[in-house]
Amino acid sequence: MKNIVITISNSHLDRLKSVAALLCKEGLVITTLYEFGVIIGTADEKIIHTLRQHEEVISLTEEKQANISPPDAEVQ
């Protein structure tokens, strides 16, 4: 599962909850729903492309993984 942030188009904000329900049916697990059109949640990598294809979705951003070496590690 990946953490994702979805932005919904302003023209669809009047039906934000129904859009969120549709995305949930496809496998999105919503952790936070903001009334201004931002949905934060998790989704399996396999459905992310499908979620992006909805006309209501302006953008879908996946959380990136960063690895930082411990302070006492050798410089690479």
C-alpha atoms as a PDB file:
ATOM      1  CA  MET A   1       0.000   0.000   0.000  1.00  0.00           C
ATOM      2  CA  LYS A   2       1.190   3.478  -0.852  1.00  0.00           C
ATOM      3  CA  ASN A   3       0.283   6.741   0.810  1.00  0.00           C
ATOM      4  CA  ILE A   4      -1.315   9.069  -1.739  1.00  0.00           C
ATOM      5  CA  VAL A   5      -2.777  12.568  -1.972  1.00  0.00           C
ATOM      6  CA  ILE A   6      -5.597  13.184  -4.469  1.00  0.00           C
ATOM      7  CA  THR A   7      -6.816  16.613  -5.562  1.00  0.00           C
ATOM      8  CA  ILE A   8     -10.383  16.821  -6.868  1.00  0.00           C
ATOM      9  CA  SER A   9     -11.433  19.352  -9.524  1.00  0.00           C
ATOM     10  CA  ASN A  10     -13.299  22.445  -8.292  1.00  0.00           C
ATOM     11  CA  SER A  11     -16.134  21.645 -10.687  1.00  0.00           C
ATOM     12  CA  HIS A  12     -16.815  18.422  -8.741  1.00  0.00           C
ATOM     13  CA  LEU A  13     -16.596  19.766  -5.175  1.00  0.00           C
ATOM     14  CA  ASP A  14     -20.381  19.830  -4.857  1.00  0.00           C
ATOM     15  CA  ARG A  15     -20.354  16.024  -4.988  1.00  0.00           C
ATOM     16  CA  LEU A  16     -17.079  15.403  -3.163  1.00  0.00           C
ATOM     17  CA  LYS A  17     -18.488  12.699  -0.883  1.00  0.00           C
ATOM     18  CA  SER A  18     -19.902  10.692  -3.786  1.00  0.00           C
ATOM     19  CA  VAL A  19     -16.569  10.981  -5.638  1.00  0.00           C
ATOM     20  CA  ALA A  20     -14.792   9.780  -2.485  1.00  0.00           C
ATOM     21  CA  ALA A  21     -17.218   6.847  -2.214  1.00  0.00           C
ATOM     22  CA  LEU A  22     -16.542   5.904  -5.848  1.00  0.00           C
ATOM     23  CA  LEU A  23     -12.772   5.950  -5.259  1.00  0.00           C
ATOM     24  CA  CYS A  24     -13.252   3.801  -2.136  1.00  0.00           C
ATOM     25  CA  LYS A  25     -15.160   1.206  -4.166  1.00  0.00           C
ATOM     26  CA  GLU A  26     -12.085   0.915  -6.367  1.00  0.00           C
ATOM     27  CA  GLY A  27      -9.840   0.248  -3.368  1.00  0.00           C
ATOM     28  CA  LEU A  28      -8.817   3.620  -1.940  1.00  0.00           C
ATOM     29  CA  VAL A  29      -8.697   3.734   1.857  1.00  0.00           C
ATOM     30  CA  ILE A  30      -9.367   7.325   2.894  1.00  0.00           C
ATOM     31  CA  THR A  31      -7.626   8.590   6.011  1.00  0.00           C
ATOM     32  CA  THR A  32      -8.561  12.285   5.619  1.00  0.00           C
ATOM     33  CA  LEU A  33     -11.144  14.037   3.441  1.00  0.00           C
ATOM     34  CA  TYR A  34     -10.884  17.822   3.205  1.00  0.00           C
ATOM     35  CA  GLU A  35     -13.929  19.770   2.016  1.00  0.00           C
ATOM     36  CA  PHE A  36     -11.720  21.891  -0.273  1.00  0.00           C
ATOM     37  CA  GLY A  37     -11.110  18.852  -2.490  1.00  0.00           C
ATOM     38  CA  VAL A  38      -8.104  17.030  -1.107  1.00  0.00           C
ATOM     39  CA  ILE A  39      -8.246  13.352  -0.196  1.00  0.00           C
ATOM     40  CA  ILE A  40      -5.433  11.655   1.706  1.00  0.00           C
ATOM     41  CA  GLY A  41      -5.336   7.892   1.880  1.00  0.00           C
ATOM     42  CA  THR A  42      -3.672   4.644   0.918  1.00  0.00           C
ATOM     43  CA  ALA A  43      -4.052   2.452  -2.123  1.00  0.00           C
ATOM     44  CA  ASP A  44      -2.504  -0.644  -3.584  1.00  0.00           C
ATOM     45  CA  GLU A  45       0.000   0.153  -6.308  1.00  0.00           C
ATOM     46  CA  LYS A  46      -2.116  -1.819  -8.814  1.00  0.00           C
ATOM     47  CA  ILE A  47      -5.084   0.594  -8.650  1.00  0.00           C
ATOM     48  CA  ILE A  48      -3.251   3.929  -8.612  1.00  0.00           C
ATOM     49  CA  HIS A  49      -3.375   4.215 -12.421  1.00  0.00           C
ATOM     50  CA  THR A  50      -7.137   3.558 -12.363  1.00  0.00           C
ATOM     51  CA  LEU A  51      -7.692   6.223  -9.704  1.00  0.00           C
ATOM     52  CA  ARG A  52      -5.780   8.770 -11.819  1.00  0.00           C
ATOM     53  CA  GLN A  53      -8.097   8.156 -14.801  1.00  0.00           C
ATOM     54  CA  HIS A  54     -11.216   9.613 -13.151  1.00  0.00           C
ATOM     55  CA  GLU A  55     -12.283  12.931 -14.683  1.00  0.00           C
ATOM     56  CA  GLU A  56     -12.798  14.362 -11.186  1.00  0.00           C
ATOM     57  CA  VAL A  57      -9.134  13.780 -10.231  1.00  0.00           C
ATOM     58  CA  ILE A  58      -6.822  16.678 -11.100  1.00  0.00           C
ATOM     59  CA  SER A  59      -3.741  15.102  -9.544  1.00  0.00           C
ATOM     60  CA  LEU A  60      -2.658  12.058  -7.608  1.00  0.00           C
ATOM     61  CA  THR A  61       0.687  12.196  -5.848  1.00  0.00           C
ATOM     62  CA  GLU A  62       2.413   9.174  -4.345  1.00  0.00           C
ATOM     63  CA  GLU A  63       4.527   9.459  -1.204  1.00  0.00           C
ATOM     64  CA  LYS A  64       8.191   8.952  -2.021  1.00  0.00           C
ATOM     65  CA  GLN A  65      10.512   6.902   0.168  1.00  0.00           C
ATOM     66  CA  ALA A  66      13.759   8.518   1.384  1.00  0.00           C
ATOM     67  CA  ASN A  67      16.548   6.602   3.080  1.00  0.00           C
ATOM     68  CA  ILE A  68      19.007   8.456   5.267  1.00  0.00           C
ATOM     69  CA  SER A  69      22.090   6.773   6.644  1.00  0.00           C
ATOM     70  CA  PRO A  70      22.731   6.887  10.398  1.00  0.00           C
ATOM     71  CA  PRO A  71      24.960   9.746  11.606  1.00  0.00           C
ATOM     72  CA  ASP A  72      27.887   7.414  12.265  1.00  0.00           C
ATOM     73  CA  ALA A  73      27.776   5.754   8.803  1.00  0.00           C
ATOM     74  CA  GLU A  74      30.630   6.171   6.327  1.00  0.00           C
ATOM     75  CA  VAL A  75      30.258   8.798   3.626  1.00  0.00           C
ATOM     76  CA  GLN A  76      29.328   7.229   0.300  1.00  0.00           C
END
